[in-house]
Amino acid sequence: MIIETDNNERLKEYTCFKEIYLKRLDVSAKELKRIFGMGNGKYTTMVKQVKEETGYIRSNRNGVILVKVKT
């Protein structure tokens, strides 16, 4: 079964995801997946998109922090 979504819906979902991913470091990856109802593949795709757009990713080395990715 194929479920079609329009571009606006995807854009809204991505925008919400990006805001939470970058600003709410207390929300874990597991919680983000649960909130947005996504699996590992969709989560990874969203993170890559945020990385390409903003240049930041999360790092869990010494607590959760944002890291600027060298480009």
PDB file of N, CA and C in Angstrom:
ATOM      1  N   MET A   1       0.844  -1.180   0.000  1.00  0.00           N
ATOM      2  CA  MET A   1       0.000   0.000   0.000  1.00  0.00           C
ATOM      3  C   MET A   1       0.889   1.243   0.000  1.00  0.00           C
ATOM      4  N   ILE A   2       0.643   2.155  -0.894  1.00  0.00           N
ATOM      5  CA  ILE A   2       1.408   3.390  -0.996  1.00  0.00           C
ATOM      6  C   ILE A   2       0.573   4.525  -0.425  1.00  0.00           C
ATOM      7  N   ILE A   3       1.171   5.260   0.506  1.00  0.00           N
ATOM      8  CA  ILE A   3       0.488   6.409   1.093  1.00  0.00           C
ATOM      9  C   ILE A   3       1.132   7.665   0.527  1.00  0.00           C
ATOM     10  N   GLU A   4       0.338   8.474  -0.135  1.00  0.00           N
ATOM     11  CA  GLU A   4       0.863   9.694  -0.736  1.00  0.00           C
ATOM     12  C   GLU A   4       0.721  10.860   0.235  1.00  0.00           C
ATOM     13  N   THR A   5       1.766  11.656   0.317  1.00  0.00           N
ATOM     14  CA  THR A   5       1.715  12.872   1.124  1.00  0.00           C
ATOM     15  C   THR A   5       2.106  14.036   0.238  1.00  0.00           C
ATOM     16  N   ASP A   6       1.498  15.169   0.501  1.00  0.00           N
ATOM     17  CA  ASP A   6       1.851  16.319  -0.327  1.00  0.00           C
ATOM     18  C   ASP A   6       3.123  16.981   0.200  1.00  0.00           C
ATOM     19  N   ASN A   7       3.717  17.813  -0.619  1.00  0.00           N
ATOM     20  CA  ASN A   7       4.985  18.464  -0.306  1.00  0.00           C
ATOM     21  C   ASN A   7       4.885  19.346   0.930  1.00  0.00           C
ATOM     22  N   ASN A   8       3.755  20.029   1.118  1.00  0.00           N
ATOM     23  CA  ASN A   8       3.573  20.895   2.278  1.00  0.00           C
ATOM     24  C   ASN A   8       3.668  20.112   3.580  1.00  0.00           C
ATOM     25  N   GLU A   9       3.064  18.938   3.586  1.00  0.00           N
ATOM     26  CA  GLU A   9       3.076  18.102   4.783  1.00  0.00           C
ATOM     27  C   GLU A   9       4.504  17.669   5.125  1.00  0.00           C
ATOM     28  N   ARG A  10       5.248  17.261   4.118  1.00  0.00           N
ATOM     29  CA  ARG A  10       6.641  16.862   4.336  1.00  0.00           C
ATOM     30  C   ARG A  10       7.489  18.032   4.813  1.00  0.00           C
ATOM     31  N   LEU A  11       7.267  19.199   4.231  1.00  0.00           N
ATOM     32  CA  LEU A  11       8.029  20.386   4.616  1.00  0.00           C
ATOM     33  C   LEU A  11       7.744  20.764   6.068  1.00  0.00           C
ATOM     34  N   LYS A  12       6.475  20.699   6.464  1.00  0.00           N
ATOM     35  CA  LYS A  12       6.113  20.997   7.850  1.00  0.00           C
ATOM     36  C   LYS A  12       6.758  20.001   8.806  1.00  0.00           C
ATOM     37  N   GLU A  13       6.732  18.721   8.436  1.00  0.00           N
ATOM     38  CA  GLU A  13       7.334  17.687   9.272  1.00  0.00           C
ATOM     39  C   GLU A  13       8.838  17.906   9.398  1.00  0.00           C
ATOM     40  N   TYR A  14       9.499  18.227   8.290  1.00  0.00           N
ATOM     41  CA  TYR A  14      10.937  18.461   8.308  1.00  0.00           C
ATOM     42  C   TYR A  14      11.270  19.688   9.152  1.00  0.00           C
ATOM     43  N   THR A  15      10.496  20.758   8.999  1.00  0.00           N
ATOM     44  CA  THR A  15      10.742  21.982   9.758  1.00  0.00           C
ATOM     45  C   THR A  15      10.613  21.730  11.254  1.00  0.00           C
ATOM     46  N   CYS A  16       9.583  21.000  11.658  1.00  0.00           N
ATOM     47  CA  CYS A  16       9.404  20.658  13.076  1.00  0.00           C
ATOM     48  C   CYS A  16      10.554  19.785  13.560  1.00  0.00           C
ATOM     49  N   PHE A  17      10.921  18.794  12.762  1.00  0.00           N
ATOM     50  CA  PHE A  17      12.018  17.897  13.120  1.00  0.00           C
ATOM     51  C   PHE A  17      13.309  18.693  13.316  1.00  0.00           C
ATOM     52  N   LYS A  18      13.605  19.597  12.386  1.00  0.00           N
ATOM     53  CA  LYS A  18      14.835  20.383  12.440  1.00  0.00           C
ATOM     54  C   LYS A  18      14.877  21.237  13.704  1.00  0.00           C
ATOM     55  N   GLU A  19      13.761  21.878  14.030  1.00  0.00           N
ATOM     56  CA  GLU A  19      13.713  22.716  15.227  1.00  0.00           C
ATOM     57  C   GLU A  19      13.977  21.896  16.489  1.00  0.00           C
ATOM     58  N   ILE A  20      13.330  20.764  16.605  1.00  0.00           N
ATOM     59  CA  ILE A  20      13.515  19.919  17.791  1.00  0.00           C
ATOM     60  C   ILE A  20      14.921  19.341  17.817  1.00  0.00           C
ATOM     61  N   TYR A  21      15.407  18.865  16.679  1.00  0.00           N
ATOM     62  CA  TYR A  21      16.735  18.249  16.592  1.00  0.00           C
ATOM     63  C   TYR A  21      17.843  19.216  17.009  1.00  0.00           C
ATOM     64  N   LEU A  22      17.746  20.480  16.568  1.00  0.00           N
ATOM     65  CA  LEU A  22      18.804  21.449  16.841  1.00  0.00           C
ATOM     66  C   LEU A  22      18.650  22.170  18.180  1.00  0.00           C
ATOM     67  N   LYS A  23      17.432  22.411  18.614  1.00  0.00           N
ATOM     68  CA  LYS A  23      17.217  23.245  19.797  1.00  0.00           C
ATOM     69  C   LYS A  23      16.904  22.483  21.069  1.00  0.00           C
ATOM     70  N   ARG A  24      16.371  21.274  20.950  1.00  0.00           N
ATOM     71  CA  ARG A  24      16.004  20.507  22.130  1.00  0.00           C
ATOM     72  C   ARG A  24      16.927  19.300  22.265  1.00  0.00           C
ATOM     73  N   LEU A  25      18.121  19.531  22.783  1.00  0.00           N
ATOM     74  CA  LEU A  25      19.112  18.463  22.887  1.00  0.00           C
ATOM     75  C   LEU A  25      18.731  17.423  23.932  1.00  0.00           C
ATOM     76  N   ASP A  26      17.757  17.749  24.782  1.00  0.00           N
ATOM     77  CA  ASP A  26      17.307  16.789  25.784  1.00  0.00           C
ATOM     78  C   ASP A  26      16.388  15.723  25.197  1.00  0.00           C
ATOM     79  N   VAL A  27      15.928  15.915  23.967  1.00  0.00           N
ATOM     80  CA  VAL A  27      15.070  14.928  23.298  1.00  0.00           C
ATOM     81  C   VAL A  27      15.973  13.950  22.553  1.00  0.00           C
ATOM     82  N   SER A  28      15.892  12.681  22.917  1.00  0.00           N
ATOM     83  CA  SER A  28      16.775  11.670  22.332  1.00  0.00           C
ATOM     84  C   SER A  28      16.323  11.275  20.926  1.00  0.00           C
ATOM     85  N   ALA A  29      17.225  10.604  20.223  1.00  0.00           N
ATOM     86  CA  ALA A  29      16.903  10.106  18.885  1.00  0.00           C
ATOM     87  C   ALA A  29      15.724   9.139  18.952  1.00  0.00           C
ATOM     88  N   LYS A  30      15.703   8.317  19.975  1.00  0.00           N
ATOM     89  CA  LYS A  30      14.616   7.344  20.143  1.00  0.00           C
ATOM     90  C   LYS A  30      13.277   8.066  20.307  1.00  0.00           C
ATOM     91  N   GLU A  31      13.276   9.147  21.079  1.00  0.00           N
ATOM     92  CA  GLU A  31      12.055   9.922  21.261  1.00  0.00           C
ATOM     93  C   GLU A  31      11.631  10.621  19.972  1.00  0.00           C
ATOM     94  N   LEU A  32      12.611  11.166  19.237  1.00  0.00           N
ATOM     95  CA  LEU A  32      12.290  11.815  17.961  1.00  0.00           C
ATOM     96  C   LEU A  32      11.636  10.831  16.999  1.00  0.00           C
ATOM     97  N   LYS A  33      12.173   9.624  16.932  1.00  0.00           N
ATOM     98  CA  LYS A  33      11.597   8.604  16.053  1.00  0.00           C
ATOM     99  C   LYS A  33      10.173   8.283  16.471  1.00  0.00           C
ATOM    100  N   ARG A  34       9.941   8.196  17.781  1.00  0.00           N
ATOM    101  CA  ARG A  34       8.607   7.879  18.287  1.00  0.00           C
ATOM    102  C   ARG A  34       7.636   9.026  18.004  1.00  0.00           C
ATOM    103  N   ILE A  35       8.071  10.273  18.253  1.00  0.00           N
ATOM    104  CA  ILE A  35       7.219  11.449  18.039  1.00  0.00           C
ATOM    105  C   ILE A  35       6.767  11.555  16.584  1.00  0.00           C
ATOM    106  N   PHE A  36       7.705  11.356  15.659  1.00  0.00           N
ATOM    107  CA  PHE A  36       7.403  11.517  14.238  1.00  0.00           C
ATOM    108  C   PHE A  36       7.009  10.211  13.563  1.00  0.00           C
ATOM    109  N   GLY A  37       6.997   9.114  14.301  1.00  0.00           N
ATOM    110  CA  GLY A  37       6.583   7.836  13.736  1.00  0.00           C
ATOM    111  C   GLY A  37       7.477   7.380  12.605  1.00  0.00           C
ATOM    112  N   MET A  38       8.789   7.465  12.811  1.00  0.00           N
ATOM    113  CA  MET A  38       9.720   7.111  11.743  1.00  0.00           C
ATOM    114  C   MET A  38      10.648   5.996  12.184  1.00  0.00           C
ATOM    115  N   GLY A  39      11.169   5.289  11.193  1.00  0.00           N
ATOM    116  CA  GLY A  39      12.150   4.245  11.447  1.00  0.00           C
ATOM    117  C   GLY A  39      13.556   4.800  11.303  1.00  0.00           C
ATOM    118  N   ASN A  40      14.533   3.922  11.354  1.00  0.00           N
ATOM    119  CA  ASN A  40      15.930   4.337  11.272  1.00  0.00           C
ATOM    120  C   ASN A  40      16.261   5.007   9.946  1.00  0.00           C
ATOM    121  N   GLY A  41      15.717   4.501   8.849  1.00  0.00           N
ATOM    122  CA  GLY A  41      16.015   5.042   7.525  1.00  0.00           C
ATOM    123  C   GLY A  41      15.541   6.479   7.360  1.00  0.00           C
ATOM    124  N   LYS A  42      14.313   6.739   7.728  1.00  0.00           N
ATOM    125  CA  LYS A  42      13.763   8.087   7.595  1.00  0.00           C
ATOM    126  C   LYS A  42      14.478   9.044   8.548  1.00  0.00           C
ATOM    127  N   TYR A  43      14.795   8.585   9.759  1.00  0.00           N
ATOM    128  CA  TYR A  43      15.524   9.411  10.723  1.00  0.00           C
ATOM    129  C   TYR A  43      16.898   9.801  10.162  1.00  0.00           C
ATOM    130  N   THR A  44      17.604   8.828   9.603  1.00  0.00           N
ATOM    131  CA  THR A  44      18.925   9.080   9.032  1.00  0.00           C
ATOM    132  C   THR A  44      18.840  10.079   7.879  1.00  0.00           C
ATOM    133  N   THR A  45      17.829   9.931   7.038  1.00  0.00           N
ATOM    134  CA  THR A  45      17.627  10.854   5.922  1.00  0.00           C
ATOM    135  C   THR A  45      17.388  12.270   6.418  1.00  0.00           C
ATOM    136  N   MET A  46      16.557  12.408   7.448  1.00  0.00           N
ATOM    137  CA  MET A  46      16.262  13.731   8.006  1.00  0.00           C
ATOM    138  C   MET A  46      17.513  14.358   8.608  1.00  0.00           C
ATOM    139  N   VAL A  47      18.305  13.567   9.322  1.00  0.00           N
ATOM    140  CA  VAL A  47      19.534  14.076   9.936  1.00  0.00           C
ATOM    141  C   VAL A  47      20.507  14.537   8.854  1.00  0.00           C
ATOM    142  N   LYS A  48      20.626  13.765   7.780  1.00  0.00           N
ATOM    143  CA  LYS A  48      21.502  14.157   6.670  1.00  0.00           C
ATOM    144  C   LYS A  48      21.037  15.473   6.058  1.00  0.00           C
ATOM    145  N   GLN A  49      19.735  15.631   5.924  1.00  0.00           N
ATOM    146  CA  GLN A  49      19.183  16.854   5.349  1.00  0.00           C
ATOM    147  C   GLN A  49      19.475  18.051   6.259  1.00  0.00           C
ATOM    148  N   VAL A  50      19.332  17.881   7.566  1.00  0.00           N
ATOM    149  CA  VAL A  50      19.645  18.952   8.516  1.00  0.00           C
ATOM    150  C   VAL A  50      21.130  19.289   8.434  1.00  0.00           C
ATOM    151  N   LYS A  51      21.979  18.262   8.349  1.00  0.00           N
ATOM    152  CA  LYS A  51      23.429  18.462   8.265  1.00  0.00           C
ATOM    153  C   LYS A  51      23.797  19.253   7.016  1.00  0.00           C
ATOM    154  N   GLU A  52      23.205  18.911   5.878  1.00  0.00           N
ATOM    155  CA  GLU A  52      23.497  19.603   4.626  1.00  0.00           C
ATOM    156  C   GLU A  52      23.031  21.053   4.660  1.00  0.00           C
ATOM    157  N   GLU A  53      21.887  21.285   5.285  1.00  0.00           N
ATOM    158  CA  GLU A  53      21.307  22.631   5.306  1.00  0.00           C
ATOM    159  C   GLU A  53      21.996  23.540   6.319  1.00  0.00           C
ATOM    160  N   THR A  54      22.272  23.025   7.514  1.00  0.00           N
ATOM    161  CA  THR A  54      22.775  23.878   8.596  1.00  0.00           C
ATOM    162  C   THR A  54      24.259  23.696   8.882  1.00  0.00           C
ATOM    163  N   GLY A  55      24.800  22.521   8.584  1.00  0.00           N
ATOM    164  CA  GLY A  55      26.195  22.243   8.891  1.00  0.00           C
ATOM    165  C   GLY A  55      26.411  21.714  10.296  1.00  0.00           C
ATOM    166  N   TYR A  56      25.332  21.414  11.021  1.00  0.00           N
ATOM    167  CA  TYR A  56      25.439  20.912  12.389  1.00  0.00           C
ATOM    168  C   TYR A  56      24.856  19.511  12.514  1.00  0.00           C
ATOM    169  N   ILE A  57      25.479  18.712  13.379  1.00  0.00           N
ATOM    170  CA  ILE A  57      24.930  17.422  13.770  1.00  0.00           C
ATOM    171  C   ILE A  57      25.057  17.300  15.282  1.00  0.00           C
ATOM    172  N   ARG A  58      24.362  16.327  15.835  1.00  0.00           N
ATOM    173  CA  ARG A  58      24.477  16.055  17.268  1.00  0.00           C
ATOM    174  C   ARG A  58      25.641  15.115  17.516  1.00  0.00           C
ATOM    175  N   SER A  59      26.253  15.261  18.677  1.00  0.00           N
ATOM    176  CA  SER A  59      27.299  14.337  19.100  1.00  0.00           C
ATOM    177  C   SER A  59      26.971  13.877  20.509  1.00  0.00           C
ATOM    178  N   ASN A  60      27.128  12.592  20.754  1.00  0.00           N
ATOM    179  CA  ASN A  60      26.821  12.032  22.071  1.00  0.00           C
ATOM    180  C   ASN A  60      28.062  11.675  22.866  1.00  0.00           C
ATOM    181  N   ARG A  61      29.205  12.214  22.501  1.00  0.00           N
ATOM    182  CA  ARG A  61      30.464  11.835  23.159  1.00  0.00           C
ATOM    183  C   ARG A  61      30.462  12.174  24.644  1.00  0.00           C
ATOM    184  N   ASN A  62      30.298  13.435  24.969  1.00  0.00           N
ATOM    185  CA  ASN A  62      30.280  13.868  26.367  1.00  0.00           C
ATOM    186  C   ASN A  62      28.968  14.603  26.628  1.00  0.00           C
ATOM    187  N   GLY A  63      27.907  13.850  26.649  1.00  0.00           N
ATOM    188  CA  GLY A  63      26.591  14.464  26.694  1.00  0.00           C
ATOM    189  C   GLY A  63      26.222  14.874  25.278  1.00  0.00           C
ATOM    190  N   VAL A  64      24.999  15.293  25.069  1.00  0.00           N
ATOM    191  CA  VAL A  64      24.563  15.656  23.725  1.00  0.00           C
ATOM    192  C   VAL A  64      24.922  17.112  23.456  1.00  0.00           C
ATOM    193  N   ILE A  65      25.699  17.333  22.396  1.00  0.00           N
ATOM    194  CA  ILE A  65      26.096  18.669  21.994  1.00  0.00           C
ATOM    195  C   ILE A  65      25.946  18.804  20.485  1.00  0.00           C
ATOM    196  N   LEU A  66      25.903  20.039  20.002  1.00  0.00           N
ATOM    197  CA  LEU A  66      25.908  20.266  18.558  1.00  0.00           C
ATOM    198  C   LEU A  66      27.336  20.443  18.096  1.00  0.00           C
ATOM    199  N   VAL A  67      27.661  19.858  16.958  1.00  0.00           N
ATOM    200  CA  VAL A  67      29.008  19.930  16.412  1.00  0.00           C
ATOM    201  C   VAL A  67      28.925  20.498  15.001  1.00  0.00           C
ATOM    202  N   LYS A  68      29.756  21.489  14.717  1.00  0.00           N
ATOM    203  CA  LYS A  68      29.827  22.046  13.354  1.00  0.00           C
ATOM    204  C   LYS A  68      30.615  21.084  12.497  1.00  0.00           C
ATOM    205  N   VAL A  69      30.053  20.659  11.384  1.00  0.00           N
ATOM    206  CA  VAL A  69      30.687  19.700  10.485  1.00  0.00           C
ATOM    207  C   VAL A  69      31.555  20.457   9.491  1.00  0.00           C
ATOM    208  N   LYS A  70      32.783  19.985   9.308  1.00  0.00           N
ATOM    209  CA  LYS A  70      33.668  20.617   8.326  1.00  0.00           C
ATOM    210  C   LYS A  70      33.161  20.304   6.927  1.00  0.00           C
ATOM    211  N   THR A  71      33.127  21.345   6.089  1.00  0.00           N
ATOM    212  CA  THR A  71      32.659  21.128   4.713  1.00  0.00           C
ATOM    213  C   THR A  71      33.733  21.498   3.732  1.00  0.00           C
TER     214      THR A  71
END
